[in-house]
Amino acid sequence: MSGDVSWWGLAASLIMIAAVALLSWRQKLRLERDLAIAVGRSLTQMLLVGAALGLIVDRGTWIGWSFLWVAGMVVFAAVTVSRRAPMLPGVLGVAFVAMAASAVAGLGLLFALGIFPVSGRTVVPVAGMVLGNSLAAGVLTIRRLVEAIAERRADLEARLALGLPWQHAVRPTVRQVLRTGIAPDVERLKALGIVVLPGAMTGLILAGVDPLDAVRVQLALLYVILGSVTTTASVIALLGTRRLFTADHRLVPLARSAEDEG
């Protein structure tokens, strides 16, 4: 079976999008405009990325361009996190450190140990999977952190009033936030192979790769992605918590609550 999809095949796949638009119109969900924008943006962005990747994966292309692309992805991911979860003071700096740490940890492990070869064909796609999952975990962790601090403000202030340093007063809250940030990826890992057939493995099989080879590639990626997500959540929880307390161990006022974000 060939993994090639013709332009006609791509156009035919939009039948499902048309069905969603029809459902939205019939049920007055008012999602038609957002759906059209989403499809248009995804089509434009992915075609541009595909064209650019065609240059990156060329054997004659300097590998440094791939790592420059990854650096740009880290910056863009940090900006995206800061826009989706702006309630944390100094969120852009925290998000940048978390995304950079995730990329270094994930790519460093995969390439330093020779799990994947260092080439234009591997660096950018793998970084995209690592940072994409880390971005989602970062947004979730920030929102839950600010939400949890707001919910427990009275209790935290009582602990601080008793003389506890903020690091000790907030520890149970941080522990719960970390669990919330990491748990979804752990649950996805549990369902692997029974309910979930991941995209990378499916794509490789459609391209004609032996299923067991595809499974090995997918598992290596998923294990590293879980580690990268944990890195992101940990960095954000630690640095983000520090941003919520003053040097003299007082809670800072929050500009907006979790309810405002909803």
Protein backbone atom coordinates (compact mmCIF):
# COMPACT_ATOMS: atom_id res chain seq x y z
CA MET A 1 0.00 0.00 0.00
CA SER A 2 1.36 3.41 -0.94
CA GLY A 3 1.52 6.19 1.64
CA ASP A 4 1.15 8.86 -1.06
CA VAL A 5 -1.91 11.10 -0.93
CA SER A 6 -2.83 12.93 -4.12
CA TRP A 7 -4.15 16.49 -4.23
CA TRP A 8 -7.52 14.96 -5.06
CA GLY A 9 -7.25 12.77 -1.96
CA LEU A 10 -6.49 15.82 0.17
CA ALA A 11 -9.48 17.63 -1.29
CA ALA A 12 -11.70 14.58 -0.70
CA SER A 13 -10.73 14.52 2.97
CA LEU A 14 -12.45 17.90 3.34
CA ILE A 15 -15.78 16.08 3.07
CA MET A 16 -15.53 15.46 6.82
CA ILE A 17 -14.91 19.18 7.40
CA ALA A 18 -17.99 19.98 5.33
CA ALA A 19 -19.99 17.60 7.52
CA VAL A 20 -18.78 19.38 10.65
CA ALA A 21 -19.71 22.75 9.14
CA LEU A 22 -23.16 21.44 8.23
CA LEU A 23 -23.69 20.15 11.76
CA SER A 24 -22.58 23.50 13.18
CA TRP A 25 -25.00 25.36 10.91
CA ARG A 26 -27.94 23.05 11.61
CA GLN A 27 -27.39 23.10 15.36
CA LYS A 28 -26.52 26.84 15.43
CA LEU A 29 -23.13 26.17 17.03
CA ARG A 30 -21.65 29.17 15.19
CA LEU A 31 -18.40 27.36 14.49
CA GLU A 32 -18.45 27.76 10.72
CA ARG A 33 -16.22 30.84 10.63
CA ASP A 34 -13.68 29.40 13.09
CA LEU A 35 -13.70 26.14 11.16
CA ALA A 36 -13.03 27.91 7.85
CA ILE A 37 -10.19 29.91 9.42
CA ALA A 38 -8.72 26.78 11.00
CA VAL A 39 -8.78 24.85 7.72
CA GLY A 40 -7.38 27.78 5.75
CA ARG A 41 -4.58 28.43 8.22
CA SER A 42 -3.67 24.78 8.61
CA LEU A 43 -3.57 24.28 4.84
CA THR A 44 -1.43 27.36 4.23
CA GLN A 45 0.92 26.80 7.15
CA MET A 46 1.44 23.10 6.49
CA LEU A 47 2.10 23.60 2.78
CA LEU A 48 4.67 26.29 3.59
CA VAL A 49 6.27 24.06 6.21
CA GLY A 50 6.30 21.16 3.78
CA ALA A 51 8.06 23.26 1.16
CA ALA A 52 10.61 24.52 3.70
CA LEU A 53 11.20 21.03 5.06
CA GLY A 54 11.90 19.88 1.53
CA LEU A 55 14.94 22.16 1.62
CA ILE A 56 15.92 21.22 5.19
CA VAL A 57 15.91 17.45 4.62
CA ASP A 58 18.08 17.71 1.50
CA ARG A 59 21.34 15.91 2.14
CA GLY A 60 23.34 18.90 0.96
CA THR A 61 21.73 21.32 3.42
CA TRP A 62 23.81 22.44 6.41
CA ILE A 63 22.52 20.77 9.59
CA GLY A 64 22.77 24.08 11.42
CA TRP A 65 19.66 25.30 9.60
CA SER A 66 17.69 22.52 11.28
CA PHE A 67 18.82 23.62 14.74
CA LEU A 68 18.08 27.26 13.89
CA TRP A 69 14.58 26.13 12.97
CA VAL A 70 14.29 24.36 16.33
CA ALA A 71 15.41 27.56 18.11
CA GLY A 72 12.64 29.42 16.31
CA MET A 73 10.16 26.74 17.38
CA VAL A 74 11.22 27.19 21.00
CA VAL A 75 10.62 30.94 20.81
CA PHE A 76 7.27 30.52 19.07
CA ALA A 77 6.17 27.88 21.59
CA ALA A 78 7.08 30.19 24.48
CA VAL A 79 5.14 33.08 22.94
CA THR A 80 2.15 30.80 22.34
CA VAL A 81 2.19 29.63 25.97
CA SER A 82 2.39 33.24 27.18
CA ARG A 83 -0.63 34.18 25.04
CA ARG A 84 -2.74 31.22 26.09
CA ALA A 85 -1.87 31.51 29.79
CA PRO A 86 -1.10 35.18 30.48
CA MET A 87 -2.22 35.09 34.11
CA LEU A 88 1.24 34.20 35.46
CA PRO A 89 3.56 37.18 36.12
CA GLY A 90 6.63 37.01 33.87
CA VAL A 91 5.10 34.12 31.95
CA LEU A 92 7.11 34.64 28.74
CA GLY A 93 10.47 34.15 30.46
CA VAL A 94 9.23 31.14 32.40
CA ALA A 95 7.75 29.58 29.27
CA PHE A 96 10.94 30.15 27.27
CA VAL A 97 13.12 28.46 29.88
CA ALA A 98 10.67 25.55 30.11
CA MET A 99 10.45 25.07 26.32
CA ALA A 100 14.23 25.33 25.92
CA ALA A 101 14.81 22.82 28.72
CA SER A 102 12.29 20.45 27.16
CA ALA A 103 13.94 20.68 23.73
CA VAL A 104 17.45 20.21 25.10
CA ALA A 105 16.42 17.25 27.27
CA GLY A 106 14.38 15.50 24.59
CA LEU A 107 16.60 16.08 21.57
CA GLY A 108 19.76 15.65 23.62
CA LEU A 109 18.72 12.19 24.73
CA LEU A 110 17.53 11.06 21.31
CA PHE A 111 20.59 12.25 19.43
CA ALA A 112 23.36 11.95 22.02
CA LEU A 113 22.56 8.27 22.60
CA GLY A 114 22.18 7.59 18.89
CA ILE A 115 18.50 6.65 19.11
CA PHE A 116 17.99 8.72 15.97
CA PRO A 117 20.67 9.96 13.57
CA VAL A 118 21.36 13.70 13.57
CA SER A 119 20.03 14.84 10.19
CA GLY A 120 17.64 17.35 8.72
CA ARG A 121 15.13 14.54 8.26
CA THR A 122 14.98 13.86 12.02
CA VAL A 123 15.83 17.04 13.94
CA VAL A 124 12.91 19.29 13.00
CA PRO A 125 10.10 16.67 12.96
CA VAL A 126 11.19 15.21 16.30
CA ALA A 127 11.50 18.68 17.82
CA GLY A 128 7.99 19.44 16.60
CA MET A 129 6.56 16.44 18.43
CA VAL A 130 8.50 17.19 21.61
CA LEU A 131 7.66 20.89 21.70
CA GLY A 132 4.06 20.42 20.59
CA ASN A 133 3.31 18.18 23.55
CA SER A 134 5.38 20.34 25.90
CA LEU A 135 3.45 23.44 24.80
CA ALA A 136 0.12 21.87 25.73
CA ALA A 137 1.50 20.69 29.07
CA GLY A 138 2.95 24.14 29.74
CA VAL A 139 -0.37 25.90 29.22
CA LEU A 140 -2.19 23.35 31.39
CA THR A 141 0.41 23.61 34.18
CA ILE A 142 0.35 27.43 34.28
CA ARG A 143 -3.42 27.62 34.34
CA ARG A 144 -3.69 25.00 37.05
CA LEU A 145 -0.89 26.61 39.09
CA VAL A 146 -2.53 30.03 39.18
CA GLU A 147 -5.94 28.46 39.74
CA ALA A 148 -4.68 26.35 42.66
CA ILE A 149 -2.87 29.28 44.28
CA ALA A 150 -6.02 31.41 43.98
CA GLU A 151 -8.18 28.65 45.46
CA ARG A 152 -5.83 28.12 48.39
CA ARG A 153 -4.86 31.73 48.97
CA ALA A 154 -6.33 31.91 52.50
CA ASP A 155 -4.66 28.66 53.53
CA LEU A 156 -1.31 29.71 52.03
CA GLU A 157 -1.41 33.09 53.75
CA ALA A 158 -2.16 31.35 57.05
CA ARG A 159 0.87 29.09 56.55
CA LEU A 160 3.04 32.10 55.72
CA ALA A 161 1.73 33.95 58.79
CA LEU A 162 2.87 31.04 60.95
CA GLY A 163 6.42 31.60 59.70
CA LEU A 164 6.70 28.97 56.98
CA PRO A 165 8.84 30.05 54.02
CA TRP A 166 6.89 30.15 50.77
CA GLN A 167 8.76 27.11 49.43
CA HIS A 168 7.37 24.94 52.25
CA ALA A 169 3.94 26.57 52.36
CA VAL A 170 3.25 25.95 48.68
CA ARG A 171 4.81 22.48 48.36
CA PRO A 172 1.54 20.45 48.56
CA THR A 173 -0.02 22.72 45.95
CA VAL A 174 2.94 22.38 43.59
CA ARG A 175 2.82 18.61 43.98
CA GLN A 176 -0.83 18.56 42.91
CA VAL A 177 -0.16 20.92 39.99
CA LEU A 178 2.67 18.71 38.72
CA ARG A 179 0.43 15.68 38.89
CA THR A 180 -2.21 17.50 36.86
CA GLY A 181 0.33 18.57 34.24
CA ILE A 182 1.87 15.13 33.76
CA ALA A 183 -1.10 12.79 34.29
CA PRO A 184 -2.74 13.20 30.83
CA ASP A 185 0.38 11.94 29.04
CA VAL A 186 0.72 9.03 31.46
CA GLU A 187 -2.91 8.08 30.79
CA ARG A 188 -2.35 8.25 27.02
CA LEU A 189 0.62 5.94 27.43
CA LYS A 190 -1.55 3.43 29.29
CA ALA A 191 -4.06 3.32 26.42
CA LEU A 192 -1.36 2.87 23.78
CA GLY A 193 -1.99 -0.01 21.39
CA ILE A 194 -5.45 -0.80 22.76
CA VAL A 195 -7.36 2.40 22.07
CA VAL A 196 -4.69 4.69 20.63
CA LEU A 197 -2.61 4.03 17.51
CA PRO A 198 -0.22 7.02 17.44
CA GLY A 199 0.25 9.14 14.35
CA ALA A 200 3.97 8.58 13.77
CA MET A 201 3.56 4.80 13.83
CA THR A 202 0.52 4.92 11.59
CA GLY A 203 2.32 7.17 9.13
CA LEU A 204 5.32 4.88 8.96
CA ILE A 205 3.14 1.83 8.38
CA LEU A 206 1.24 3.64 5.62
CA ALA A 207 4.62 4.50 4.08
CA GLY A 208 5.50 0.80 3.95
CA VAL A 209 7.72 0.43 7.03
CA ASP A 210 7.59 -2.89 8.88
CA PRO A 211 5.07 -2.57 11.77
CA LEU A 212 7.56 -3.66 14.45
CA ASP A 213 10.08 -1.10 13.21
CA ALA A 214 7.34 1.54 13.31
CA VAL A 215 6.41 0.51 16.85
CA ARG A 216 10.01 0.89 18.06
CA VAL A 217 10.24 4.37 16.59
CA GLN A 218 6.91 5.39 18.09
CA LEU A 219 7.67 4.05 21.57
CA ALA A 220 11.07 5.77 21.68
CA LEU A 221 9.40 9.04 20.73
CA LEU A 222 6.58 8.68 23.25
CA TYR A 223 8.90 7.85 26.13
CA VAL A 224 11.06 10.87 25.37
CA ILE A 225 7.98 13.06 24.91
CA LEU A 226 6.73 12.04 28.37
CA GLY A 227 10.11 13.01 29.81
CA SER A 228 10.00 16.34 27.97
CA VAL A 229 6.48 17.05 29.20
CA THR A 230 7.62 16.31 32.75
CA THR A 231 10.57 18.67 32.27
CA THR A 232 8.26 21.44 31.06
CA ALA A 233 5.77 20.98 33.88
CA SER A 234 8.53 20.87 36.51
CA VAL A 235 10.31 23.98 35.26
CA ILE A 236 7.06 25.94 35.02
CA ALA A 237 5.86 24.78 38.45
CA LEU A 238 9.15 25.74 40.11
CA LEU A 239 9.87 29.01 38.30
CA GLY A 240 6.21 29.96 38.06
CA THR A 241 5.62 29.46 41.78
CA ARG A 242 8.57 31.72 42.53
CA ARG A 243 6.90 34.46 40.48
CA LEU A 244 3.82 34.28 42.70
CA PHE A 245 5.66 35.16 45.92
CA THR A 246 7.67 38.22 46.91
CA ALA A 247 11.17 38.13 48.37
CA ASP A 248 9.69 38.61 51.86
CA HIS A 249 7.41 35.56 51.48
CA ARG A 250 4.11 37.22 50.58
CA LEU A 251 1.69 36.23 47.84
CA VAL A 252 1.57 38.65 44.93
CA PRO A 253 -1.82 39.91 43.71
CA LEU A 254 -2.96 38.05 40.62
CA ALA A 255 -3.94 40.20 37.66
CA ARG A 256 -6.63 37.78 36.54
CA SER A 257 -8.16 34.62 37.87
CA ALA A 258 -8.71 31.29 36.23
CA GLU A 259 -12.39 32.19 35.88
CA ASP A 260 -11.43 35.21 33.81
CA GLU A 261 -9.61 32.94 31.42
CA GLY A 262 -12.60 30.68 31.01
